[in-house]
ModelCIF file with pLDDT and N, C-alpha, C, O atoms, coordinates in Angstrom:
data_MODEL
#
_entry.id   MODEL 
#
_entity.id                         1 
_entity.type                       polymer 
_entity.pdbx_number_of_molecules   1 
#
_entity_poly.entity_id                      1 
_entity_poly.type                           'polypeptide(L)' 
_entity_poly.nstd_linkage                   no 
_entity_poly.nstd_monomer                   no 
_entity_poly.pdbx_seq_one_letter_code       
;(UNK)(UNK)(UNK)(UNK)(UNK)(UNK)(UNK)(UNK)(UNK)(UNK)(UNK)(UNK)(UNK)(UNK)(UNK)(UNK)
(UNK)(UNK)(UNK)(UNK)(UNK)(UNK)(UNK)(UNK)(UNK)(UNK)(UNK)(UNK)(UNK)(UNK)(UNK)(UNK)
(UNK)(UNK)(UNK)(UNK)(UNK)(UNK)(UNK)(UNK)(UNK)(UNK)(UNK)(UNK)(UNK)(UNK)
;
_entity_poly.pdbx_seq_one_letter_code_can   XXXXXXXXXXXXXXXXXXXXXXXXXXXXXXXXXXXXXXXXXXXXXX 
_entity_poly.pdbx_strand_id                 A 
#
loop_
_entity_poly_seq.entity_id 
_entity_poly_seq.num 
_entity_poly_seq.mon_id 
_entity_poly_seq.hetero 
1 1  UNK n 
1 2  UNK n 
1 3  UNK n 
1 4  UNK n 
1 5  UNK n 
1 6  UNK n 
1 7  UNK n 
1 8  UNK n 
1 9  UNK n 
1 10 UNK n 
1 11 UNK n 
1 12 UNK n 
1 13 UNK n 
1 14 UNK n 
1 15 UNK n 
1 16 UNK n 
1 17 UNK n 
1 18 UNK n 
1 19 UNK n 
1 20 UNK n 
1 21 UNK n 
1 22 UNK n 
1 23 UNK n 
1 24 UNK n 
1 25 UNK n 
1 26 UNK n 
1 27 UNK n 
1 28 UNK n 
1 29 UNK n 
1 30 UNK n 
1 31 UNK n 
1 32 UNK n 
1 33 UNK n 
1 34 UNK n 
1 35 UNK n 
1 36 UNK n 
1 37 UNK n 
1 38 UNK n 
1 39 UNK n 
1 40 UNK n 
1 41 UNK n 
1 42 UNK n 
1 43 UNK n 
1 44 UNK n 
1 45 UNK n 
1 46 UNK n 
#
_struct_asym.id          A 
_struct_asym.entity_id   1 
#
loop_
_ma_qa_metric.id 
_ma_qa_metric.mode 
_ma_qa_metric.name 
_ma_qa_metric.software_group_id 
_ma_qa_metric.type 
1 global pLDDT . pLDDT 
2 local  pLDDT . pLDDT 
#
_ma_qa_metric_global.metric_id      1 
_ma_qa_metric_global.metric_value   93.72 
_ma_qa_metric_global.model_id       1 
_ma_qa_metric_global.ordinal_id     1 
#
loop_
_ma_qa_metric_local.label_asym_id 
_ma_qa_metric_local.label_comp_id 
_ma_qa_metric_local.label_seq_id 
_ma_qa_metric_local.metric_id 
_ma_qa_metric_local.metric_value 
_ma_qa_metric_local.model_id 
_ma_qa_metric_local.ordinal_id 
A UNK 1  2 97.00 1 1  
A UNK 2  2 96.00 1 2  
A UNK 3  2 95.00 1 3  
A UNK 4  2 94.00 1 4  
A UNK 5  2 95.00 1 5  
A UNK 6  2 94.00 1 6  
A UNK 7  2 92.00 1 7  
A UNK 8  2 91.00 1 8  
A UNK 9  2 91.00 1 9  
A UNK 10 2 90.00 1 10 
A UNK 11 2 91.00 1 11 
A UNK 12 2 91.00 1 12 
A UNK 13 2 92.00 1 13 
A UNK 14 2 93.00 1 14 
A UNK 15 2 92.00 1 15 
A UNK 16 2 92.00 1 16 
A UNK 17 2 94.00 1 17 
A UNK 18 2 96.00 1 18 
A UNK 19 2 96.00 1 19 
A UNK 20 2 96.00 1 20 
A UNK 21 2 97.00 1 21 
A UNK 22 2 98.00 1 22 
A UNK 23 2 97.00 1 23 
A UNK 24 2 98.00 1 24 
A UNK 25 2 98.00 1 25 
A UNK 26 2 98.00 1 26 
A UNK 27 2 98.00 1 27 
A UNK 28 2 97.00 1 28 
A UNK 29 2 97.00 1 29 
A UNK 30 2 97.00 1 30 
A UNK 31 2 97.00 1 31 
A UNK 32 2 96.00 1 32 
A UNK 33 2 95.00 1 33 
A UNK 34 2 96.00 1 34 
A UNK 35 2 95.00 1 35 
A UNK 36 2 93.00 1 36 
A UNK 37 2 91.00 1 37 
A UNK 38 2 92.00 1 38 
A UNK 39 2 90.00 1 39 
A UNK 40 2 83.00 1 40 
A UNK 41 2 86.00 1 41 
A UNK 42 2 89.00 1 42 
A UNK 43 2 92.00 1 43 
A UNK 44 2 89.00 1 44 
A UNK 45 2 91.00 1 45 
A UNK 46 2 93.00 1 46 
#
loop_
_atom_site.group_PDB 
_atom_site.id 
_atom_site.type_symbol 
_atom_site.label_atom_id 
_atom_site.label_alt_id 
_atom_site.label_comp_id 
_atom_site.label_asym_id 
_atom_site.label_entity_id 
_atom_site.label_seq_id 
_atom_site.pdbx_PDB_ins_code 
_atom_site.Cartn_x 
_atom_site.Cartn_y 
_atom_site.Cartn_z 
_atom_site.occupancy 
_atom_site.B_iso_or_equiv 
_atom_site.pdbx_formal_charge 
_atom_site.auth_seq_id 
_atom_site.auth_comp_id 
_atom_site.auth_asym_id 
_atom_site.auth_atom_id 
_atom_site.pdbx_PDB_model_num 
ATOM 1   N N  . UNK A 1 1  ? -96.444  117.976 104.896 1.00 97.00 ? 1  UNK A N  1 
ATOM 2   C CA . UNK A 1 1  ? -95.020  118.067 105.242 1.00 97.00 ? 1  UNK A CA 1 
ATOM 3   C C  . UNK A 1 1  ? -94.176  117.256 104.265 1.00 97.00 ? 1  UNK A C  1 
ATOM 4   O O  . UNK A 1 1  ? -93.151  117.741 103.785 1.00 97.00 ? 1  UNK A O  1 
ATOM 5   N N  . UNK A 1 2  ? -94.593  116.033 103.967 1.00 96.00 ? 2  UNK A N  1 
ATOM 6   C CA . UNK A 1 2  ? -93.799  115.201 103.064 1.00 96.00 ? 2  UNK A CA 1 
ATOM 7   C C  . UNK A 1 2  ? -93.825  115.739 101.639 1.00 96.00 ? 2  UNK A C  1 
ATOM 8   O O  . UNK A 1 2  ? -92.809  115.701 100.944 1.00 96.00 ? 2  UNK A O  1 
ATOM 9   N N  . UNK A 1 3  ? -94.970  116.236 101.202 1.00 95.00 ? 3  UNK A N  1 
ATOM 10  C CA . UNK A 1 3  ? -95.053  116.790 99.844  1.00 95.00 ? 3  UNK A CA 1 
ATOM 11  C C  . UNK A 1 3  ? -94.205  118.048 99.718  1.00 95.00 ? 3  UNK A C  1 
ATOM 12  O O  . UNK A 1 3  ? -93.482  118.210 98.735  1.00 95.00 ? 3  UNK A O  1 
ATOM 13  N N  . UNK A 1 4  ? -94.285  118.937 100.699 1.00 94.00 ? 4  UNK A N  1 
ATOM 14  C CA . UNK A 1 4  ? -93.487  120.161 100.649 1.00 94.00 ? 4  UNK A CA 1 
ATOM 15  C C  . UNK A 1 4  ? -91.995  119.855 100.733 1.00 94.00 ? 4  UNK A C  1 
ATOM 16  O O  . UNK A 1 4  ? -91.191  120.471 100.034 1.00 94.00 ? 4  UNK A O  1 
ATOM 17  N N  . UNK A 1 5  ? -91.630  118.910 101.580 1.00 95.00 ? 5  UNK A N  1 
ATOM 18  C CA . UNK A 1 5  ? -90.225  118.541 101.703 1.00 95.00 ? 5  UNK A CA 1 
ATOM 19  C C  . UNK A 1 5  ? -89.694  117.984 100.391 1.00 95.00 ? 5  UNK A C  1 
ATOM 20  O O  . UNK A 1 5  ? -88.600  118.345 99.958  1.00 95.00 ? 5  UNK A O  1 
ATOM 21  N N  . UNK A 1 6  ? -90.464  117.108 99.760  1.00 94.00 ? 6  UNK A N  1 
ATOM 22  C CA . UNK A 1 6  ? -90.043  116.535 98.475  1.00 94.00 ? 6  UNK A CA 1 
ATOM 23  C C  . UNK A 1 6  ? -89.925  117.622 97.415  1.00 94.00 ? 6  UNK A C  1 
ATOM 24  O O  . UNK A 1 6  ? -88.997  117.605 96.606  1.00 94.00 ? 6  UNK A O  1 
ATOM 25  N N  . UNK A 1 7  ? -90.858  118.563 97.414  1.00 92.00 ? 7  UNK A N  1 
ATOM 26  C CA . UNK A 1 7  ? -90.849  119.614 96.404  1.00 92.00 ? 7  UNK A CA 1 
ATOM 27  C C  . UNK A 1 7  ? -89.682  120.573 96.608  1.00 92.00 ? 7  UNK A C  1 
ATOM 28  O O  . UNK A 1 7  ? -88.973  120.896 95.655  1.00 92.00 ? 7  UNK A O  1 
ATOM 29  N N  . UNK A 1 8  ? -89.478  121.029 97.835  1.00 91.00 ? 8  UNK A N  1 
ATOM 30  C CA . UNK A 1 8  ? -88.442  122.039 98.091  1.00 91.00 ? 8  UNK A CA 1 
ATOM 31  C C  . UNK A 1 8  ? -87.041  121.453 97.976  1.00 91.00 ? 8  UNK A C  1 
ATOM 32  O O  . UNK A 1 8  ? -86.112  122.146 97.561  1.00 91.00 ? 8  UNK A O  1 
ATOM 33  N N  . UNK A 1 9  ? -86.880  120.186 98.339  1.00 91.00 ? 9  UNK A N  1 
ATOM 34  C CA . UNK A 1 9  ? -85.557  119.566 98.286  1.00 91.00 ? 9  UNK A CA 1 
ATOM 35  C C  . UNK A 1 9  ? -85.348  118.749 97.011  1.00 91.00 ? 9  UNK A C  1 
ATOM 36  O O  . UNK A 1 9  ? -84.308  118.116 96.824  1.00 91.00 ? 9  UNK A O  1 
ATOM 37  N N  . UNK A 1 10 ? -86.369  118.777 96.130  1.00 90.00 ? 10 UNK A N  1 
ATOM 38  C CA . UNK A 1 10 ? -86.281  118.060 94.860  1.00 90.00 ? 10 UNK A CA 1 
ATOM 39  C C  . UNK A 1 10 ? -85.954  116.576 95.078  1.00 90.00 ? 10 UNK A C  1 
ATOM 40  O O  . UNK A 1 10 ? -84.983  116.048 94.537  1.00 90.00 ? 10 UNK A O  1 
ATOM 41  N N  . UNK A 1 11 ? -86.782  115.936 95.874  1.00 91.00 ? 11 UNK A N  1 
ATOM 42  C CA . UNK A 1 11 ? -86.608  114.530 96.184  1.00 91.00 ? 11 UNK A CA 1 
ATOM 43  C C  . UNK A 1 11 ? -87.860  113.756 95.790  1.00 91.00 ? 11 UNK A C  1 
ATOM 44  O O  . UNK A 1 11 ? -88.911  114.345 95.540  1.00 91.00 ? 11 UNK A O  1 
ATOM 45  N N  . UNK A 1 12 ? -87.741  112.435 95.737  1.00 91.00 ? 12 UNK A N  1 
ATOM 46  C CA . UNK A 1 12 ? -88.889  111.581 95.461  1.00 91.00 ? 12 UNK A CA 1 
ATOM 47  C C  . UNK A 1 12 ? -89.822  111.550 96.665  1.00 91.00 ? 12 UNK A C  1 
ATOM 48  O O  . UNK A 1 12 ? -89.381  111.636 97.811  1.00 91.00 ? 12 UNK A O  1 
ATOM 49  N N  . UNK A 1 13 ? -91.111  111.427 96.390  1.00 92.00 ? 13 UNK A N  1 
ATOM 50  C CA . UNK A 1 13 ? -92.083  111.241 97.458  1.00 92.00 ? 13 UNK A CA 1 
ATOM 51  C C  . UNK A 1 13 ? -91.919  109.852 98.081  1.00 92.00 ? 13 UNK A C  1 
ATOM 52  O O  . UNK A 1 13 ? -91.350  108.961 97.450  1.00 92.00 ? 13 UNK A O  1 
ATOM 53  N N  . UNK A 1 14 ? -92.409  109.656 99.304  1.00 93.00 ? 14 UNK A N  1 
ATOM 54  C CA . UNK A 1 14 ? -92.360  108.313 99.884  1.00 93.00 ? 14 UNK A CA 1 
ATOM 55  C C  . UNK A 1 14 ? -93.154  107.321 99.036  1.00 93.00 ? 14 UNK A C  1 
ATOM 56  O O  . UNK A 1 14 ? -93.991  107.713 98.223  1.00 93.00 ? 14 UNK A O  1 
ATOM 57  N N  . UNK A 1 15 ? -92.885  106.052 99.236  1.00 92.00 ? 15 UNK A N  1 
ATOM 58  C CA . UNK A 1 15 ? -93.618  105.015 98.523  1.00 92.00 ? 15 UNK A CA 1 
ATOM 59  C C  . UNK A 1 15 ? -95.064  104.968 99.003  1.00 92.00 ? 15 UNK A C  1 
ATOM 60  O O  . UNK A 1 15 ? -95.401  105.508 100.057 1.00 92.00 ? 15 UNK A O  1 
ATOM 61  N N  . UNK A 1 16 ? -95.909  104.314 98.213  1.00 92.00 ? 16 UNK A N  1 
ATOM 62  C CA . UNK A 1 16 ? -97.317  104.208 98.587  1.00 92.00 ? 16 UNK A CA 1 
ATOM 63  C C  . UNK A 1 16 ? -97.520  103.506 99.912  1.00 92.00 ? 16 UNK A C  1 
ATOM 64  O O  . UNK A 1 16 ? -98.404  103.876 100.685 1.00 92.00 ? 16 UNK A O  1 
ATOM 65  N N  . UNK A 1 17 ? -96.702  102.482 100.184 1.00 94.00 ? 17 UNK A N  1 
ATOM 66  C CA . UNK A 1 17 ? -96.837  101.753 101.444 1.00 94.00 ? 17 UNK A CA 1 
ATOM 67  C C  . UNK A 1 17 ? -96.496  102.642 102.633 1.00 94.00 ? 17 UNK A C  1 
ATOM 68  O O  . UNK A 1 17 ? -97.066  102.475 103.711 1.00 94.00 ? 17 UNK A O  1 
ATOM 69  N N  . UNK A 1 18 ? -95.571  103.587 102.450 1.00 96.00 ? 18 UNK A N  1 
ATOM 70  C CA . UNK A 1 18 ? -95.221  104.533 103.519 1.00 96.00 ? 18 UNK A CA 1 
ATOM 71  C C  . UNK A 1 18 ? -96.421  105.409 103.852 1.00 96.00 ? 18 UNK A C  1 
ATOM 72  O O  . UNK A 1 18 ? -96.749  105.608 105.022 1.00 96.00 ? 18 UNK A O  1 
ATOM 73  N N  . UNK A 1 19 ? -97.076  105.933 102.814 1.00 96.00 ? 19 UNK A N  1 
ATOM 74  C CA . UNK A 1 19 ? -98.289  106.738 103.004 1.00 96.00 ? 19 UNK A CA 1 
ATOM 75  C C  . UNK A 1 19 ? -99.372  105.917 103.691 1.00 96.00 ? 19 UNK A C  1 
ATOM 76  O O  . UNK A 1 19 ? -100.019 106.389 104.627 1.00 96.00 ? 19 UNK A O  1 
ATOM 77  N N  . UNK A 1 20 ? -99.566  104.690 103.224 1.00 96.00 ? 20 UNK A N  1 
ATOM 78  C CA . UNK A 1 20 ? -100.637 103.854 103.775 1.00 96.00 ? 20 UNK A CA 1 
ATOM 79  C C  . UNK A 1 20 ? -100.398 103.536 105.246 1.00 96.00 ? 20 UNK A C  1 
ATOM 80  O O  . UNK A 1 20 ? -101.337 103.533 106.041 1.00 96.00 ? 20 UNK A O  1 
ATOM 81  N N  . UNK A 1 21 ? -99.154  103.269 105.610 1.00 97.00 ? 21 UNK A N  1 
ATOM 82  C CA . UNK A 1 21 ? -98.849  102.951 107.000 1.00 97.00 ? 21 UNK A CA 1 
ATOM 83  C C  . UNK A 1 21 ? -99.120  104.149 107.907 1.00 97.00 ? 21 UNK A C  1 
ATOM 84  O O  . UNK A 1 21 ? -99.690  103.996 108.987 1.00 97.00 ? 21 UNK A O  1 
ATOM 85  N N  . UNK A 1 22 ? -98.715  105.327 107.474 1.00 98.00 ? 22 UNK A N  1 
ATOM 86  C CA . UNK A 1 22 ? -98.959  106.536 108.271 1.00 98.00 ? 22 UNK A CA 1 
ATOM 87  C C  . UNK A 1 22 ? -100.455 106.776 108.427 1.00 98.00 ? 22 UNK A C  1 
ATOM 88  O O  . UNK A 1 22 ? -100.920 107.067 109.529 1.00 98.00 ? 22 UNK A O  1 
ATOM 89  N N  . UNK A 1 23 ? -101.213 106.659 107.343 1.00 97.00 ? 23 UNK A N  1 
ATOM 90  C CA . UNK A 1 23 ? -102.663 106.879 107.410 1.00 97.00 ? 23 UNK A CA 1 
ATOM 91  C C  . UNK A 1 23 ? -103.326 105.845 108.311 1.00 97.00 ? 23 UNK A C  1 
ATOM 92  O O  . UNK A 1 23 ? -104.236 106.175 109.071 1.00 97.00 ? 23 UNK A O  1 
ATOM 93  N N  . UNK A 1 24 ? -102.875 104.590 108.230 1.00 98.00 ? 24 UNK A N  1 
ATOM 94  C CA . UNK A 1 24 ? -103.438 103.529 109.070 1.00 98.00 ? 24 UNK A CA 1 
ATOM 95  C C  . UNK A 1 24 ? -103.165 103.798 110.551 1.00 98.00 ? 24 UNK A C  1 
ATOM 96  O O  . UNK A 1 24 ? -104.051 103.633 111.389 1.00 98.00 ? 24 UNK A O  1 
ATOM 97  N N  . UNK A 1 25 ? -101.950 104.208 110.865 1.00 98.00 ? 25 UNK A N  1 
ATOM 98  C CA . UNK A 1 25 ? -101.592 104.480 112.259 1.00 98.00 ? 25 UNK A CA 1 
ATOM 99  C C  . UNK A 1 25 ? -102.439 105.619 112.827 1.00 98.00 ? 25 UNK A C  1 
ATOM 100 O O  . UNK A 1 25 ? -102.933 105.530 113.951 1.00 98.00 ? 25 UNK A O  1 
ATOM 101 N N  . UNK A 1 26 ? -102.602 106.673 112.057 1.00 98.00 ? 26 UNK A N  1 
ATOM 102 C CA . UNK A 1 26 ? -103.423 107.796 112.524 1.00 98.00 ? 26 UNK A CA 1 
ATOM 103 C C  . UNK A 1 26 ? -104.890 107.386 112.674 1.00 98.00 ? 26 UNK A C  1 
ATOM 104 O O  . UNK A 1 26 ? -105.560 107.800 113.620 1.00 98.00 ? 26 UNK A O  1 
ATOM 105 N N  . UNK A 1 27 ? -105.379 106.584 111.754 1.00 98.00 ? 27 UNK A N  1 
ATOM 106 C CA . UNK A 1 27 ? -106.784 106.158 111.815 1.00 98.00 ? 27 UNK A CA 1 
ATOM 107 C C  . UNK A 1 27 ? -107.037 105.294 113.040 1.00 98.00 ? 27 UNK A C  1 
ATOM 108 O O  . UNK A 1 27 ? -108.029 105.485 113.743 1.00 98.00 ? 27 UNK A O  1 
ATOM 109 N N  . UNK A 1 28 ? -106.139 104.338 113.300 1.00 97.00 ? 28 UNK A N  1 
ATOM 110 C CA . UNK A 1 28 ? -106.283 103.496 114.483 1.00 97.00 ? 28 UNK A CA 1 
ATOM 111 C C  . UNK A 1 28 ? -106.160 104.328 115.756 1.00 97.00 ? 28 UNK A C  1 
ATOM 112 O O  . UNK A 1 28 ? -106.885 104.097 116.724 1.00 97.00 ? 28 UNK A O  1 
ATOM 113 N N  . UNK A 1 29 ? -105.248 105.291 115.754 1.00 97.00 ? 29 UNK A N  1 
ATOM 114 C CA . UNK A 1 29 ? -105.079 106.146 116.922 1.00 97.00 ? 29 UNK A CA 1 
ATOM 115 C C  . UNK A 1 29 ? -106.321 106.991 117.165 1.00 97.00 ? 29 UNK A C  1 
ATOM 116 O O  . UNK A 1 29 ? -106.719 107.191 118.313 1.00 97.00 ? 29 UNK A O  1 
ATOM 117 N N  . UNK A 1 30 ? -106.942 107.492 116.090 1.00 97.00 ? 30 UNK A N  1 
ATOM 118 C CA . UNK A 1 30 ? -108.145 108.319 116.238 1.00 97.00 ? 30 UNK A CA 1 
ATOM 119 C C  . UNK A 1 30 ? -109.282 107.519 116.865 1.00 97.00 ? 30 UNK A C  1 
ATOM 120 O O  . UNK A 1 30 ? -109.942 107.992 117.791 1.00 97.00 ? 30 UNK A O  1 
ATOM 121 N N  . UNK A 1 31 ? -109.509 106.311 116.362 1.00 97.00 ? 31 UNK A N  1 
ATOM 122 C CA . UNK A 1 31 ? -110.579 105.473 116.905 1.00 97.00 ? 31 UNK A CA 1 
ATOM 123 C C  . UNK A 1 31 ? -110.276 105.095 118.357 1.00 97.00 ? 31 UNK A C  1 
ATOM 124 O O  . UNK A 1 31 ? -111.157 105.146 119.216 1.00 97.00 ? 31 UNK A O  1 
ATOM 125 N N  . UNK A 1 32 ? -109.028 104.717 118.621 1.00 96.00 ? 32 UNK A N  1 
ATOM 126 C CA . UNK A 1 32 ? -108.656 104.296 119.973 1.00 96.00 ? 32 UNK A CA 1 
ATOM 127 C C  . UNK A 1 32 ? -108.825 105.429 120.973 1.00 96.00 ? 32 UNK A C  1 
ATOM 128 O O  . UNK A 1 32 ? -109.208 105.184 122.118 1.00 96.00 ? 32 UNK A O  1 
ATOM 129 N N  . UNK A 1 33 ? -108.550 106.655 120.570 1.00 95.00 ? 33 UNK A N  1 
ATOM 130 C CA . UNK A 1 33 ? -108.676 107.775 121.505 1.00 95.00 ? 33 UNK A CA 1 
ATOM 131 C C  . UNK A 1 33 ? -110.127 108.194 121.694 1.00 95.00 ? 33 UNK A C  1 
ATOM 132 O O  . UNK A 1 33 ? -110.493 108.665 122.771 1.00 95.00 ? 33 UNK A O  1 
ATOM 133 N N  . UNK A 1 34 ? -110.957 108.034 120.676 1.00 96.00 ? 34 UNK A N  1 
ATOM 134 C CA . UNK A 1 34 ? -112.353 108.466 120.793 1.00 96.00 ? 34 UNK A CA 1 
ATOM 135 C C  . UNK A 1 34 ? -113.202 107.471 121.571 1.00 96.00 ? 34 UNK A C  1 
ATOM 136 O O  . UNK A 1 34 ? -114.145 107.867 122.257 1.00 96.00 ? 34 UNK A O  1 
ATOM 137 N N  . UNK A 1 35 ? -112.881 106.182 121.474 1.00 95.00 ? 35 UNK A N  1 
ATOM 138 C CA . UNK A 1 35 ? -113.725 105.153 122.095 1.00 95.00 ? 35 UNK A CA 1 
ATOM 139 C C  . UNK A 1 35 ? -113.914 105.320 123.604 1.00 95.00 ? 35 UNK A C  1 
ATOM 140 O O  . UNK A 1 35 ? -115.046 105.198 124.074 1.00 95.00 ? 35 UNK A O  1 
ATOM 141 N N  . UNK A 1 36 ? -112.863 105.595 124.390 1.00 93.00 ? 36 UNK A N  1 
ATOM 142 C CA . UNK A 1 36 ? -113.086 105.720 125.840 1.00 93.00 ? 36 UNK A CA 1 
ATOM 143 C C  . UNK A 1 36 ? -114.058 106.831 126.220 1.00 93.00 ? 36 UNK A C  1 
ATOM 144 O O  . UNK A 1 36 ? -114.771 106.712 127.217 1.00 93.00 ? 36 UNK A O  1 
ATOM 145 N N  . UNK A 1 37 ? -114.096 107.913 125.437 1.00 91.00 ? 37 UNK A N  1 
ATOM 146 C CA . UNK A 1 37 ? -115.003 109.008 125.743 1.00 91.00 ? 37 UNK A CA 1 
ATOM 147 C C  . UNK A 1 37 ? -116.421 108.757 125.236 1.00 91.00 ? 37 UNK A C  1 
ATOM 148 O O  . UNK A 1 37 ? -117.373 109.384 125.701 1.00 91.00 ? 37 UNK A O  1 
ATOM 149 N N  . UNK A 1 38 ? -116.554 107.844 124.291 1.00 92.00 ? 38 UNK A N  1 
ATOM 150 C CA . UNK A 1 38 ? -117.882 107.504 123.783 1.00 92.00 ? 38 UNK A CA 1 
ATOM 151 C C  . UNK A 1 38 ? -118.546 106.421 124.628 1.00 92.00 ? 38 UNK A C  1 
ATOM 152 O O  . UNK A 1 38 ? -119.766 106.413 124.792 1.00 92.00 ? 38 UNK A O  1 
ATOM 153 N N  . UNK A 1 39 ? -117.742 105.516 125.158 1.00 90.00 ? 39 UNK A N  1 
ATOM 154 C CA . UNK A 1 39 ? -118.263 104.417 125.976 1.00 90.00 ? 39 UNK A CA 1 
ATOM 155 C C  . UNK A 1 39 ? -117.715 104.573 127.397 1.00 90.00 ? 39 UNK A C  1 
ATOM 156 O O  . UNK A 1 39 ? -116.694 103.990 127.761 1.00 90.00 ? 39 UNK A O  1 
ATOM 157 N N  . UNK A 1 40 ? -118.422 105.369 128.175 1.00 83.00 ? 40 UNK A N  1 
ATOM 158 C CA . UNK A 1 40 ? -117.943 105.731 129.505 1.00 83.00 ? 40 UNK A CA 1 
ATOM 159 C C  . UNK A 1 40 ? -117.947 104.562 130.475 1.00 83.00 ? 40 UNK A C  1 
ATOM 160 O O  . UNK A 1 40 ? -117.301 104.632 131.521 1.00 83.00 ? 40 UNK A O  1 
ATOM 161 N N  . UNK A 1 41 ? -118.663 103.484 130.151 1.00 86.00 ? 41 UNK A N  1 
ATOM 162 C CA . UNK A 1 41 ? -118.732 102.334 131.049 1.00 86.00 ? 41 UNK A CA 1 
ATOM 163 C C  . UNK A 1 41 ? -117.576 101.360 130.859 1.00 86.00 ? 41 UNK A C  1 
ATOM 164 O O  . UNK A 1 41 ? -117.503 100.344 131.550 1.00 86.00 ? 41 UNK A O  1 
ATOM 165 N N  . UNK A 1 42 ? -116.668 101.664 129.923 1.00 89.00 ? 42 UNK A N  1 
ATOM 166 C CA . UNK A 1 42 ? -115.507 100.788 129.745 1.00 89.00 ? 42 UNK A CA 1 
ATOM 167 C C  . UNK A 1 42 ? -114.692 100.745 131.038 1.00 89.00 ? 42 UNK A C  1 
ATOM 168 O O  . UNK A 1 42 ? -114.507 101.776 131.684 1.00 89.00 ? 42 UNK A O  1 
ATOM 169 N N  . UNK A 1 43 ? -114.205 99.564  131.419 1.00 92.00 ? 43 UNK A N  1 
ATOM 170 C CA . UNK A 1 43 ? -113.365 99.484  132.628 1.00 92.00 ? 43 UNK A CA 1 
ATOM 171 C C  . UNK A 1 43 ? -112.092 100.308 132.463 1.00 92.00 ? 43 UNK A C  1 
ATOM 172 O O  . UNK A 1 43 ? -111.610 100.520 131.351 1.00 92.00 ? 43 UNK A O  1 
ATOM 173 N N  . UNK A 1 44 ? -111.561 100.765 133.591 1.00 89.00 ? 44 UNK A N  1 
ATOM 174 C CA . UNK A 1 44 ? -110.401 101.647 133.549 1.00 89.00 ? 44 UNK A CA 1 
ATOM 175 C C  . UNK A 1 44 ? -109.209 100.986 132.855 1.00 89.00 ? 44 UNK A C  1 
ATOM 176 O O  . UNK A 1 44 ? -108.446 101.658 132.162 1.00 89.00 ? 44 UNK A O  1 
ATOM 177 N N  . UNK A 1 45 ? -109.048 99.688  133.034 1.00 91.00 ? 45 UNK A N  1 
ATOM 178 C CA . UNK A 1 45 ? -107.925 99.001  132.380 1.00 91.00 ? 45 UNK A CA 1 
ATOM 179 C C  . UNK A 1 45 ? -108.028 99.070  130.861 1.00 91.00 ? 45 UNK A C  1 
ATOM 180 O O  . UNK A 1 45 ? -107.034 99.298  130.171 1.00 91.00 ? 45 UNK A O  1 
ATOM 181 N N  . UNK A 1 46 ? -109.249 98.870  130.343 1.00 93.00 ? 46 UNK A N  1 
ATOM 182 C CA . UNK A 1 46 ? -109.449 98.947  128.894 1.00 93.00 ? 46 UNK A CA 1 
ATOM 183 C C  . UNK A 1 46 ? -109.217 100.365 128.381 1.00 93.00 ? 46 UNK A C  1 
ATOM 184 O O  . UNK A 1 46 ? -109.342 100.617 127.183 1.00 93.00 ? 46 UNK A O  1 
#
């Protein structure tokens, strides 16, 4: 989405830190969502 938007609107791509933050957020979210289904004995609060 960001690459196509930059290309079609002739704009600069986001900075490297912007890319890194988005990738980090998705990676943490992926692990956080998978863990409860992998470890069924986790308490409900966790």
